[in-house]
Amino acid sequence: MVAIKISTLALFVSMITLSSAMPIDSEAQTIEARARGNAVVYTSVGPSCDQVVERQAFQGDNVHICHEVTNIGSLRVEGSGCLVKYWQNRGCKGRGVQVLDSYCQSVQFSSYSVDCPYRSKDRGQQTWPYPN
């Protein structure tokens, strides 16, 4: 009888240990998984987005990049869960315009910013970097 109670207690303790070892915060993992991609700058100004000038990869759950470009052309973001904006002024200053994923933004711009993870409260911000 005592042996049965001890084995039952041991089973109960092992179940508690296993359940506490499993990750609980699946939202944080989802955000991290989405917070990666490429920002690609093209030379041509037009809907084609064909000749790559530069490509910058980003990944992680806390990425804040302001990248100035030397060859003004088109911008496209690939596979991003981040907030990416292009800016007419250097240093990501002035008014930024959000870049939609996989859409070729054919505009003249001087810099672009990447802010991960994407937070809907950042949508209306006009300055970079975005406040936490």
Protein backbone atom coordinates (compact mmCIF):
# COMPACT_ATOMS: atom_id res chain seq x y z
CA MET A 1 0.00 0.00 0.00
CA VAL A 2 2.83 2.41 0.88
CA ALA A 3 4.66 1.48 -2.34
CA ILE A 4 1.57 2.36 -4.40
CA LYS A 5 1.26 5.76 -2.71
CA ILE A 6 4.96 6.53 -3.27
CA SER A 7 4.79 5.60 -6.97
CA THR A 8 1.61 7.66 -7.37
CA LEU A 9 3.33 10.60 -5.69
CA ALA A 10 6.40 10.17 -7.93
CA LEU A 11 4.17 10.11 -11.02
CA PHE A 12 2.37 13.27 -9.87
CA VAL A 13 5.68 15.11 -9.25
CA SER A 14 7.06 14.09 -12.66
CA MET A 15 3.89 15.34 -14.39
CA ILE A 16 4.21 18.72 -12.65
CA THR A 17 7.87 18.94 -13.65
CA LEU A 18 7.10 18.18 -17.30
CA SER A 19 4.25 20.67 -17.49
CA SER A 20 6.40 23.45 -16.03
CA ALA A 21 9.15 22.78 -18.61
CA MET A 22 6.82 23.34 -21.58
CA PRO A 23 6.76 26.84 -23.08
CA ILE A 24 3.68 28.84 -22.23
CA ASP A 25 4.23 32.02 -24.25
CA SER A 26 3.43 30.92 -27.79
CA GLU A 27 2.69 34.53 -28.86
CA ALA A 28 6.31 35.56 -28.26
CA GLN A 29 7.51 32.62 -30.33
CA THR A 30 5.12 33.55 -33.14
CA ILE A 31 6.34 37.15 -33.16
CA GLU A 32 9.97 36.03 -33.24
CA ALA A 33 9.24 33.61 -36.09
CA ARG A 34 7.65 36.40 -38.14
CA ALA A 35 10.33 38.99 -37.37
CA ARG A 36 12.70 38.09 -40.16
CA GLY A 37 13.03 38.95 -43.81
CA ASN A 38 14.91 40.96 -46.39
CA ALA A 39 14.72 44.58 -47.48
CA VAL A 40 15.72 44.75 -51.14
CA VAL A 41 16.59 47.95 -53.02
CA TYR A 42 16.39 48.06 -56.83
CA THR A 43 17.86 50.55 -59.32
CA SER A 44 14.85 50.84 -61.59
CA VAL A 45 11.98 53.13 -60.78
CA GLY A 46 8.94 51.28 -62.05
CA PRO A 47 6.70 48.32 -61.26
CA SER A 48 9.26 45.67 -62.28
CA CYS A 49 11.70 45.59 -59.32
CA ASP A 50 14.24 43.71 -61.40
CA GLN A 51 17.87 44.83 -60.83
CA VAL A 52 19.00 44.41 -57.22
CA VAL A 53 21.30 47.09 -55.81
CA GLU A 54 21.47 45.90 -52.22
CA ARG A 55 19.82 43.42 -49.91
CA GLN A 56 19.73 43.62 -46.12
CA ALA A 57 18.55 40.66 -44.04
CA PHE A 58 17.03 41.17 -40.62
CA GLN A 59 15.95 38.70 -37.97
CA GLY A 60 15.01 38.68 -34.32
CA ASP A 61 12.56 40.04 -31.84
CA ASN A 62 14.26 43.40 -31.22
CA VAL A 63 15.51 44.89 -34.49
CA HIS A 64 15.60 48.63 -35.12
CA ILE A 65 17.44 49.58 -38.30
CA CYS A 66 17.64 52.87 -40.17
CA HIS A 67 19.46 52.28 -43.46
CA GLU A 68 20.44 55.04 -45.87
CA VAL A 69 20.55 54.16 -49.55
CA THR A 70 22.90 55.60 -52.16
CA ASN A 71 21.10 54.35 -55.26
CA ILE A 72 17.58 55.68 -55.19
CA GLY A 73 15.08 53.36 -56.81
CA SER A 74 12.47 50.86 -55.71
CA LEU A 75 12.07 48.99 -52.43
CA ARG A 76 10.49 45.65 -51.62
CA VAL A 77 10.28 43.69 -48.38
CA GLU A 78 10.31 39.89 -48.47
CA GLY A 79 8.97 37.63 -45.73
CA SER A 80 8.64 40.20 -42.99
CA GLY A 81 6.58 40.43 -39.83
CA CYS A 82 8.19 43.78 -39.16
CA LEU A 83 7.17 47.36 -39.76
CA VAL A 84 9.20 48.67 -42.71
CA LYS A 85 8.94 52.26 -43.92
CA TYR A 86 10.69 54.28 -46.58
CA TRP A 87 11.66 57.89 -45.91
CA GLN A 88 12.38 60.75 -48.32
CA ASN A 89 14.93 62.22 -45.89
CA ARG A 90 18.20 60.65 -44.75
CA GLY A 91 18.32 59.30 -41.21
CA CYS A 92 14.70 58.12 -41.36
CA LYS A 93 13.42 61.61 -40.60
CA GLY A 94 10.29 63.37 -41.74
CA ARG A 95 7.27 61.36 -42.83
CA GLY A 96 7.65 57.61 -43.32
CA VAL A 97 5.43 55.46 -45.52
CA GLN A 98 4.79 51.81 -44.64
CA VAL A 99 6.06 49.23 -47.14
CA LEU A 100 3.72 46.31 -47.70
CA ASP A 101 5.24 42.84 -47.83
CA SER A 102 6.20 41.68 -51.36
CA TYR A 103 4.84 44.86 -52.97
CA CYS A 104 7.26 46.80 -55.17
CA GLN A 105 7.36 50.37 -53.83
CA SER A 106 8.46 52.39 -56.85
CA VAL A 107 9.34 55.75 -55.33
CA GLN A 108 12.36 57.90 -54.73
CA PHE A 109 13.58 57.57 -51.16
CA SER A 110 16.73 58.25 -49.16
CA SER A 111 16.43 55.77 -46.29
CA TYR A 112 14.31 52.97 -44.92
CA SER A 113 13.63 51.70 -41.42
CA VAL A 114 12.91 48.24 -40.06
CA ASP A 115 11.23 47.85 -36.67
CA CYS A 116 10.69 44.36 -35.23
CA PRO A 117 8.51 43.03 -33.92
CA TYR A 118 5.66 44.76 -35.68
CA ARG A 119 3.43 46.46 -33.14
CA SER A 120 0.16 48.01 -34.30
CA LYS A 121 0.66 50.98 -31.96
CA ASP A 122 3.66 52.01 -34.13
CA ARG A 123 1.53 52.44 -37.24
CA GLY A 124 0.90 56.15 -36.73
CA GLN A 125 4.41 57.16 -35.64
CA GLN A 126 6.16 59.73 -37.82
CA THR A 127 9.62 59.56 -36.27
CA TRP A 128 12.28 56.89 -35.95
CA PRO A 129 13.18 55.01 -33.81
CA TYR A 130 9.81 54.11 -32.45
CA PRO A 131 9.22 54.39 -28.71
CA ASN A 132 8.93 51.17 -26.72
